């Protein structure tokens, strides 16, 4: 069931199209259209600079779009400078992930108890590595990849 409410990831799509249309309108041969478009573009650009990163992060988190929509839309808006803006979004996604990984997690004794039970009966054929007290499997793996396991 579709919703009529706009979410940030859908709003990004509409906002970047508006930004691109205003940019094109500023280049119009009609002096009146060009003049009005320049005023509108300046006002919209203030908004866009404040919100584009947050909106782009929402798009990246949407499994339907990921970075492809950001790369495409920024190439249309920024042209040759798009790589710089895409890198800003990419760096922000990685920073957000690292902040998430650093969040303290409650200790879960169930994992530890289960691991000790497998070793107590002499069955050392456990294919999973032992888990530490301070993290769950996903965070343990992420920290190991990032070289940040404590």
N, C-alpha and C. Protein backbone atom coordinates (compact mmCIF):
# COMPACT_ATOMS: atom_id res chain seq x y z
N UNK A 1 0.85 -1.17 0.00
CA UNK A 1 0.00 0.00 0.00
C UNK A 1 0.90 1.24 0.00
N UNK A 2 0.69 2.13 -0.92
CA UNK A 2 1.50 3.35 -1.03
C UNK A 2 0.94 4.42 -0.10
N UNK A 3 1.84 5.29 0.31
CA UNK A 3 1.42 6.38 1.19
C UNK A 3 1.45 7.70 0.44
N UNK A 4 0.60 8.61 0.82
CA UNK A 4 0.55 9.93 0.20
C UNK A 4 1.56 10.88 0.84
N UNK A 5 2.12 10.47 1.98
CA UNK A 5 3.09 11.31 2.67
C UNK A 5 4.45 11.23 1.99
N UNK A 6 5.10 12.38 1.84
CA UNK A 6 6.43 12.40 1.27
C UNK A 6 7.46 12.10 2.35
N UNK A 7 8.37 11.22 2.04
CA UNK A 7 9.48 10.95 2.94
C UNK A 7 10.72 11.60 2.34
N UNK A 8 11.78 11.70 3.14
CA UNK A 8 12.97 12.42 2.71
C UNK A 8 13.58 11.84 1.45
N UNK A 9 13.58 10.52 1.31
CA UNK A 9 14.19 9.92 0.13
C UNK A 9 13.40 10.23 -1.14
N UNK A 10 12.08 10.35 -1.03
CA UNK A 10 11.27 10.71 -2.19
C UNK A 10 11.35 12.22 -2.43
N UNK A 11 11.41 12.99 -1.38
CA UNK A 11 11.52 14.43 -1.51
C UNK A 11 12.82 14.83 -2.22
N UNK A 12 13.90 14.09 -1.98
CA UNK A 12 15.18 14.37 -2.64
C UNK A 12 15.00 14.35 -4.15
N UNK A 13 14.29 13.34 -4.64
CA UNK A 13 14.09 13.21 -6.09
C UNK A 13 13.39 14.44 -6.66
N UNK A 14 12.39 14.91 -5.99
CA UNK A 14 11.66 16.10 -6.46
C UNK A 14 12.51 17.37 -6.31
N UNK A 15 13.25 17.46 -5.22
CA UNK A 15 14.06 18.66 -4.97
C UNK A 15 15.19 18.80 -5.97
N UNK A 16 15.87 17.68 -6.30
CA UNK A 16 16.97 17.82 -7.25
C UNK A 16 16.46 18.15 -8.64
N UNK A 17 15.26 17.63 -9.01
CA UNK A 17 14.68 17.98 -10.31
C UNK A 17 14.34 19.46 -10.35
N UNK A 18 13.83 19.99 -9.25
CA UNK A 18 13.52 21.43 -9.18
C UNK A 18 14.80 22.24 -9.31
N UNK A 19 15.84 21.81 -8.61
CA UNK A 19 17.14 22.50 -8.69
C UNK A 19 17.65 22.50 -10.13
N UNK A 20 17.57 21.38 -10.80
CA UNK A 20 18.04 21.27 -12.19
C UNK A 20 17.20 22.14 -13.13
N UNK A 21 15.89 22.14 -12.94
CA UNK A 21 15.01 22.96 -13.78
C UNK A 21 15.28 24.45 -13.59
N UNK A 22 15.50 24.86 -12.36
CA UNK A 22 15.82 26.28 -12.11
C UNK A 22 17.15 26.67 -12.75
N UNK A 23 18.11 25.77 -12.68
CA UNK A 23 19.41 26.04 -13.32
C UNK A 23 19.23 26.21 -14.82
N UNK A 24 18.44 25.33 -15.43
CA UNK A 24 18.18 25.45 -16.87
C UNK A 24 17.41 26.72 -17.20
N UNK A 25 16.47 27.10 -16.36
CA UNK A 25 15.66 28.30 -16.61
C UNK A 25 16.50 29.58 -16.53
N UNK A 26 17.54 29.58 -15.71
CA UNK A 26 18.40 30.77 -15.63
C UNK A 26 19.13 31.02 -16.95
N UNK A 27 19.25 29.98 -17.77
CA UNK A 27 19.93 30.10 -19.05
C UNK A 27 18.97 30.41 -20.21
N UNK A 28 17.71 30.66 -19.88
CA UNK A 28 16.69 30.92 -20.89
C UNK A 28 17.02 32.17 -21.70
N UNK A 29 16.63 32.13 -22.96
CA UNK A 29 16.82 33.29 -23.83
C UNK A 29 15.82 34.39 -23.52
N UNK A 30 14.70 34.03 -22.94
CA UNK A 30 13.70 35.01 -22.52
C UNK A 30 14.21 35.72 -21.27
N UNK A 31 14.43 37.01 -21.38
CA UNK A 31 15.03 37.79 -20.28
C UNK A 31 14.17 37.75 -19.02
N UNK A 32 12.84 37.81 -19.18
CA UNK A 32 11.96 37.79 -18.02
C UNK A 32 12.02 36.44 -17.30
N UNK A 33 11.98 35.36 -18.06
CA UNK A 33 12.06 34.01 -17.47
C UNK A 33 13.40 33.84 -16.78
N UNK A 34 14.45 34.26 -17.42
CA UNK A 34 15.79 34.14 -16.86
C UNK A 34 15.92 34.94 -15.56
N UNK A 35 15.38 36.14 -15.55
CA UNK A 35 15.45 36.99 -14.36
C UNK A 35 14.71 36.39 -13.18
N UNK A 36 13.49 35.94 -13.43
CA UNK A 36 12.70 35.32 -12.37
C UNK A 36 13.37 34.03 -11.89
N UNK A 37 13.87 33.24 -12.83
CA UNK A 37 14.52 31.98 -12.48
C UNK A 37 15.77 32.21 -11.63
N UNK A 38 16.52 33.27 -11.93
CA UNK A 38 17.72 33.56 -11.13
C UNK A 38 17.36 33.88 -9.68
N UNK A 39 16.30 34.67 -9.49
CA UNK A 39 15.86 34.98 -8.12
C UNK A 39 15.40 33.71 -7.40
N UNK A 40 14.61 32.92 -8.09
CA UNK A 40 14.12 31.68 -7.49
C UNK A 40 15.28 30.72 -7.20
N UNK A 41 16.24 30.66 -8.12
CA UNK A 41 17.39 29.76 -7.96
C UNK A 41 18.22 30.15 -6.75
N UNK A 42 18.42 31.45 -6.55
CA UNK A 42 19.18 31.91 -5.38
C UNK A 42 18.49 31.50 -4.08
N UNK A 43 17.19 31.67 -4.02
CA UNK A 43 16.44 31.29 -2.81
C UNK A 43 16.45 29.78 -2.62
N UNK A 44 16.22 29.05 -3.69
CA UNK A 44 16.19 27.60 -3.59
C UNK A 44 17.58 27.05 -3.25
N UNK A 45 18.61 27.68 -3.80
CA UNK A 45 19.98 27.22 -3.56
C UNK A 45 20.34 27.30 -2.08
N UNK A 46 19.85 28.34 -1.37
CA UNK A 46 20.09 28.42 0.08
C UNK A 46 19.49 27.21 0.78
N UNK A 47 18.27 26.87 0.41
CA UNK A 47 17.61 25.70 0.98
C UNK A 47 18.38 24.43 0.61
N UNK A 48 18.72 24.30 -0.67
CA UNK A 48 19.39 23.10 -1.17
C UNK A 48 20.72 22.87 -0.45
N UNK A 49 21.50 23.91 -0.24
CA UNK A 49 22.79 23.76 0.44
C UNK A 49 22.62 23.30 1.88
N UNK A 50 21.53 23.72 2.51
CA UNK A 50 21.28 23.31 3.90
C UNK A 50 20.77 21.88 4.01
N UNK A 51 20.02 21.43 3.02
CA UNK A 51 19.31 20.15 3.15
C UNK A 51 19.77 19.03 2.24
N UNK A 52 20.54 19.32 1.21
CA UNK A 52 20.86 18.28 0.22
C UNK A 52 21.61 17.11 0.81
N UNK A 53 22.51 17.33 1.76
CA UNK A 53 23.26 16.22 2.34
C UNK A 53 22.34 15.29 3.13
N UNK A 54 21.48 15.86 3.94
CA UNK A 54 20.55 15.04 4.74
C UNK A 54 19.61 14.26 3.82
N UNK A 55 19.10 14.93 2.81
CA UNK A 55 18.21 14.25 1.86
C UNK A 55 18.95 13.15 1.10
N UNK A 56 20.19 13.43 0.71
CA UNK A 56 20.99 12.42 -0.01
C UNK A 56 21.27 11.21 0.88
N UNK A 57 21.53 11.44 2.16
CA UNK A 57 21.75 10.32 3.09
C UNK A 57 20.50 9.45 3.18
N UNK A 58 19.33 10.07 3.19
CA UNK A 58 18.08 9.30 3.22
C UNK A 58 17.94 8.46 1.97
N UNK A 59 18.33 8.99 0.83
CA UNK A 59 18.27 8.24 -0.43
C UNK A 59 19.22 7.05 -0.39
N UNK A 60 20.42 7.26 0.13
CA UNK A 60 21.40 6.17 0.20
C UNK A 60 20.89 5.04 1.09
N UNK A 61 20.15 5.37 2.14
CA UNK A 61 19.61 4.36 3.04
C UNK A 61 18.43 3.60 2.44
N UNK A 62 17.83 4.14 1.39
CA UNK A 62 16.71 3.48 0.74
C UNK A 62 17.25 2.40 -0.19
N UNK A 63 16.90 1.13 0.05
CA UNK A 63 17.47 0.05 -0.76
C UNK A 63 17.10 0.12 -2.24
N UNK A 64 16.09 0.90 -2.59
CA UNK A 64 15.72 1.02 -4.00
C UNK A 64 16.68 1.91 -4.77
N UNK A 65 17.33 2.85 -4.09
CA UNK A 65 18.13 3.85 -4.79
C UNK A 65 19.62 3.75 -4.53
N UNK A 66 20.01 3.68 -3.28
CA UNK A 66 21.43 3.67 -2.87
C UNK A 66 22.15 4.90 -3.45
N UNK A 67 23.45 4.76 -3.76
CA UNK A 67 24.25 5.89 -4.23
C UNK A 67 23.97 6.24 -5.69
N UNK A 68 23.38 5.33 -6.44
CA UNK A 68 23.18 5.56 -7.88
C UNK A 68 22.34 6.81 -8.16
N UNK A 69 21.26 7.00 -7.41
CA UNK A 69 20.43 8.18 -7.63
C UNK A 69 21.17 9.45 -7.25
N UNK A 70 21.94 9.39 -6.18
CA UNK A 70 22.73 10.56 -5.77
C UNK A 70 23.75 10.90 -6.84
N UNK A 71 24.47 9.90 -7.34
CA UNK A 71 25.47 10.13 -8.38
C UNK A 71 24.81 10.72 -9.64
N UNK A 72 23.68 10.15 -10.03
CA UNK A 72 22.99 10.62 -11.23
C UNK A 72 22.50 12.06 -11.06
N UNK A 73 21.81 12.31 -9.95
CA UNK A 73 21.23 13.64 -9.76
C UNK A 73 22.31 14.70 -9.58
N UNK A 74 23.36 14.39 -8.85
CA UNK A 74 24.43 15.36 -8.67
C UNK A 74 25.16 15.63 -9.98
N UNK A 75 25.26 14.63 -10.85
CA UNK A 75 25.89 14.87 -12.16
C UNK A 75 25.06 15.84 -12.98
N UNK A 76 23.74 15.79 -12.83
CA UNK A 76 22.86 16.71 -13.56
C UNK A 76 22.91 18.12 -12.96
N UNK A 77 23.04 18.21 -11.64
CA UNK A 77 23.04 19.52 -10.98
C UNK A 77 24.40 20.18 -11.06
N UNK A 78 25.45 19.44 -10.71
CA UNK A 78 26.77 20.03 -10.54
C UNK A 78 27.71 19.81 -11.72
N UNK A 79 27.34 18.96 -12.65
CA UNK A 79 28.19 18.72 -13.82
C UNK A 79 29.54 18.15 -13.43
N UNK A 80 30.60 18.80 -13.89
CA UNK A 80 31.97 18.32 -13.65
C UNK A 80 32.33 18.31 -12.17
N UNK A 81 31.69 19.16 -11.35
CA UNK A 81 31.98 19.21 -9.92
C UNK A 81 31.24 18.13 -9.11
N UNK A 82 30.45 17.30 -9.78
CA UNK A 82 29.61 16.34 -9.06
C UNK A 82 30.42 15.37 -8.21
N UNK A 83 31.59 14.97 -8.66
CA UNK A 83 32.41 13.99 -7.91
C UNK A 83 32.71 14.50 -6.50
N UNK A 84 32.92 15.78 -6.37
CA UNK A 84 33.21 16.37 -5.05
C UNK A 84 32.01 16.23 -4.11
N UNK A 85 30.82 16.47 -4.63
CA UNK A 85 29.61 16.39 -3.81
C UNK A 85 29.23 14.93 -3.51
N UNK A 86 29.45 14.05 -4.49
CA UNK A 86 29.20 12.62 -4.26
C UNK A 86 30.15 12.10 -3.19
N UNK A 87 31.40 12.53 -3.22
CA UNK A 87 32.38 12.11 -2.21
C UNK A 87 31.95 12.60 -0.83
N UNK A 88 31.39 13.79 -0.74
CA UNK A 88 30.91 14.31 0.53
C UNK A 88 29.81 13.41 1.10
N UNK A 89 28.89 12.98 0.25
CA UNK A 89 27.82 12.07 0.69
C UNK A 89 28.41 10.73 1.08
N UNK A 90 29.31 10.19 0.26
CA UNK A 90 29.93 8.90 0.56
C UNK A 90 30.70 8.95 1.88
N UNK A 91 31.47 10.00 2.09
CA UNK A 91 32.21 10.15 3.35
C UNK A 91 31.26 10.27 4.54
N UNK A 92 30.15 10.95 4.34
CA UNK A 92 29.16 11.11 5.41
C UNK A 92 28.49 9.78 5.76
N UNK A 93 28.23 8.96 4.75
CA UNK A 93 27.66 7.63 5.00
C UNK A 93 28.63 6.80 5.83
N UNK A 94 29.90 6.83 5.46
CA UNK A 94 30.90 6.07 6.21
C UNK A 94 31.06 6.60 7.64
N UNK A 95 31.02 7.90 7.79
CA UNK A 95 31.11 8.50 9.12
C UNK A 95 29.91 8.11 9.98
N UNK A 96 28.74 8.13 9.38
CA UNK A 96 27.52 7.72 10.08
C UNK A 96 27.62 6.26 10.52
N UNK A 97 28.13 5.42 9.65
CA UNK A 97 28.30 4.00 9.99
C UNK A 97 29.27 3.83 11.15
N UNK A 98 30.38 4.53 11.10
CA UNK A 98 31.37 4.41 12.18
C UNK A 98 30.80 4.90 13.51
N UNK A 99 29.98 5.94 13.47
CA UNK A 99 29.32 6.40 14.69
C UNK A 99 28.36 5.34 15.21
N UNK A 100 27.66 4.67 14.30
CA UNK A 100 26.75 3.60 14.69
C UNK A 100 27.52 2.46 15.36
N UNK A 101 28.62 2.09 14.77
CA UNK A 101 29.43 0.98 15.30
C UNK A 101 29.97 1.32 16.69
N UNK A 102 30.26 2.56 16.93
CA UNK A 102 30.81 2.98 18.22
C UNK A 102 29.77 3.03 19.33
N UNK A 103 28.50 2.92 19.00
CA UNK A 103 27.45 2.98 20.02
C UNK A 103 27.59 1.80 20.98
N UNK A 104 27.49 2.06 22.28
CA UNK A 104 27.58 0.95 23.24
C UNK A 104 26.35 0.06 23.13
N UNK A 105 26.59 -1.23 23.20
CA UNK A 105 25.51 -2.20 23.14
C UNK A 105 25.38 -2.88 24.49
N UNK A 106 24.17 -3.26 24.85
CA UNK A 106 24.01 -3.99 26.11
C UNK A 106 24.67 -5.36 25.99
N UNK A 107 25.26 -5.81 27.08
CA UNK A 107 25.89 -7.14 27.08
C UNK A 107 24.80 -8.19 27.04
N UNK A 108 24.97 -9.16 26.18
CA UNK A 108 24.00 -10.22 26.02
C UNK A 108 24.64 -11.52 26.47
N UNK A 109 24.26 -11.98 27.65
CA UNK A 109 24.85 -13.20 28.19
C UNK A 109 24.41 -14.44 27.44
N UNK A 110 23.31 -14.38 26.74
CA UNK A 110 22.81 -15.55 26.01
C UNK A 110 23.84 -16.03 24.99
N UNK A 111 24.51 -15.10 24.31
CA UNK A 111 25.52 -15.49 23.35
C UNK A 111 26.69 -16.18 24.04
N UNK A 112 27.13 -15.62 25.12
CA UNK A 112 28.28 -16.16 25.84
C UNK A 112 27.92 -17.51 26.43
N UNK A 113 26.73 -17.62 27.05
CA UNK A 113 26.31 -18.88 27.65
C UNK A 113 26.23 -19.97 26.59
N UNK A 114 25.70 -19.65 25.43
CA UNK A 114 25.57 -20.62 24.36
C UNK A 114 26.94 -21.10 23.90
N UNK A 115 27.87 -20.17 23.77
CA UNK A 115 29.23 -20.52 23.35
C UNK A 115 29.91 -21.40 24.38
N UNK A 116 29.76 -21.10 25.68
CA UNK A 116 30.38 -21.90 26.72
C UNK A 116 29.75 -23.28 26.79
N UNK A 117 28.45 -23.38 26.53
CA UNK A 117 27.77 -24.67 26.58
C UNK A 117 28.31 -25.59 25.48
N UNK A 118 28.61 -25.04 24.32
CA UNK A 118 29.15 -25.85 23.23
C UNK A 118 30.52 -26.41 23.58
N UNK A 119 31.31 -25.66 24.33
CA UNK A 119 32.64 -26.12 24.70
C UNK A 119 32.61 -27.01 25.93
N UNK A 120 31.59 -26.87 26.79
CA UNK A 120 31.52 -27.63 28.04
C UNK A 120 31.29 -29.11 27.79
N UNK A 121 30.57 -29.44 26.70
CA UNK A 121 30.30 -30.85 26.45
C UNK A 121 31.39 -31.51 25.61
N UNK A 122 32.49 -30.80 25.40
CA UNK A 122 33.60 -31.36 24.65
C UNK A 122 33.46 -31.18 23.16
N UNK A 123 32.39 -30.57 22.72
CA UNK A 123 32.16 -30.35 21.30
C UNK A 123 32.86 -29.06 20.89
N UNK A 124 34.03 -29.17 20.32
CA UNK A 124 34.77 -27.99 19.88
C UNK A 124 34.63 -27.77 18.38
N UNK A 125 33.62 -28.35 17.77
CA UNK A 125 33.40 -28.19 16.34
C UNK A 125 32.54 -26.97 16.04
N UNK A 126 32.51 -26.03 16.95
CA UNK A 126 31.72 -24.82 16.76
C UNK A 126 32.34 -24.01 15.62
N UNK A 127 31.56 -23.75 14.57
CA UNK A 127 32.09 -23.03 13.41
C UNK A 127 32.13 -21.54 13.63
N UNK A 128 31.40 -21.02 14.60
CA UNK A 128 31.40 -19.58 14.87
C UNK A 128 32.55 -19.25 15.81
N UNK A 129 33.22 -18.13 15.56
CA UNK A 129 34.27 -17.71 16.51
C UNK A 129 33.62 -17.28 17.82
N UNK A 130 34.33 -17.42 18.94
CA UNK A 130 33.74 -16.98 20.21
C UNK A 130 33.48 -15.48 20.17
N UNK A 131 32.38 -15.08 20.76
CA UNK A 131 32.00 -13.67 20.77
C UNK A 131 32.55 -13.00 22.02
N UNK A 132 32.83 -11.74 21.91
CA UNK A 132 33.30 -11.01 23.08
C UNK A 132 32.12 -10.48 23.88
N UNK A 133 32.36 -10.05 25.08
CA UNK A 133 31.30 -9.57 25.96
C UNK A 133 30.75 -8.21 25.51
N UNK A 134 31.55 -7.43 24.80
CA UNK A 134 31.15 -6.04 24.54
C UNK A 134 30.43 -5.83 23.22
N UNK A 135 30.22 -6.88 22.43
CA UNK A 135 29.56 -6.63 21.15
C UNK A 135 28.84 -7.87 20.66
N UNK A 136 27.91 -7.66 19.73
CA UNK A 136 27.25 -8.80 19.12
C UNK A 136 27.98 -9.15 17.83
N UNK A 137 27.56 -10.20 17.14
CA UNK A 137 28.28 -10.69 15.97
C UNK A 137 28.44 -9.64 14.88
N UNK A 138 27.39 -8.91 14.55
CA UNK A 138 27.46 -7.94 13.46
C UNK A 138 28.46 -6.84 13.77
N UNK A 139 28.39 -6.31 14.96
CA UNK A 139 29.30 -5.23 15.33
C UNK A 139 30.71 -5.78 15.44
N UNK A 140 30.85 -6.99 15.96
CA UNK A 140 32.17 -7.62 16.06
C UNK A 140 32.81 -7.72 14.68
N UNK A 141 32.05 -8.18 13.70
CA UNK A 141 32.55 -8.31 12.34
C UNK A 141 32.87 -6.94 11.75
N UNK A 142 32.00 -5.98 11.96
CA UNK A 142 32.22 -4.62 11.44
C UNK A 142 33.46 -3.99 12.05
N UNK A 143 33.63 -4.17 13.34
CA UNK A 143 34.81 -3.62 14.00
C UNK A 143 36.08 -4.31 13.50
N UNK A 144 36.00 -5.59 13.28
CA UNK A 144 37.16 -6.33 12.79
C UNK A 144 37.57 -5.81 11.42
N UNK A 145 36.59 -5.59 10.54
CA UNK A 145 36.86 -5.05 9.20
C UNK A 145 37.46 -3.66 9.31
N UNK A 146 36.91 -2.84 10.20
CA UNK A 146 37.39 -1.47 10.35
C UNK A 146 38.67 -1.40 11.17
N UNK A 147 39.12 -2.53 11.72
CA UNK A 147 40.32 -2.54 12.53
C UNK A 147 40.13 -1.88 13.87
N UNK A 148 38.90 -1.93 14.41
CA UNK A 148 38.60 -1.20 15.64
C UNK A 148 38.11 -2.10 16.77
N UNK A 149 38.36 -3.39 16.68
CA UNK A 149 37.86 -4.26 17.74
C UNK A 149 38.56 -3.95 19.04
N UNK A 150 37.77 -3.81 20.13
CA UNK A 150 38.34 -3.47 21.43
C UNK A 150 38.54 -4.70 22.25
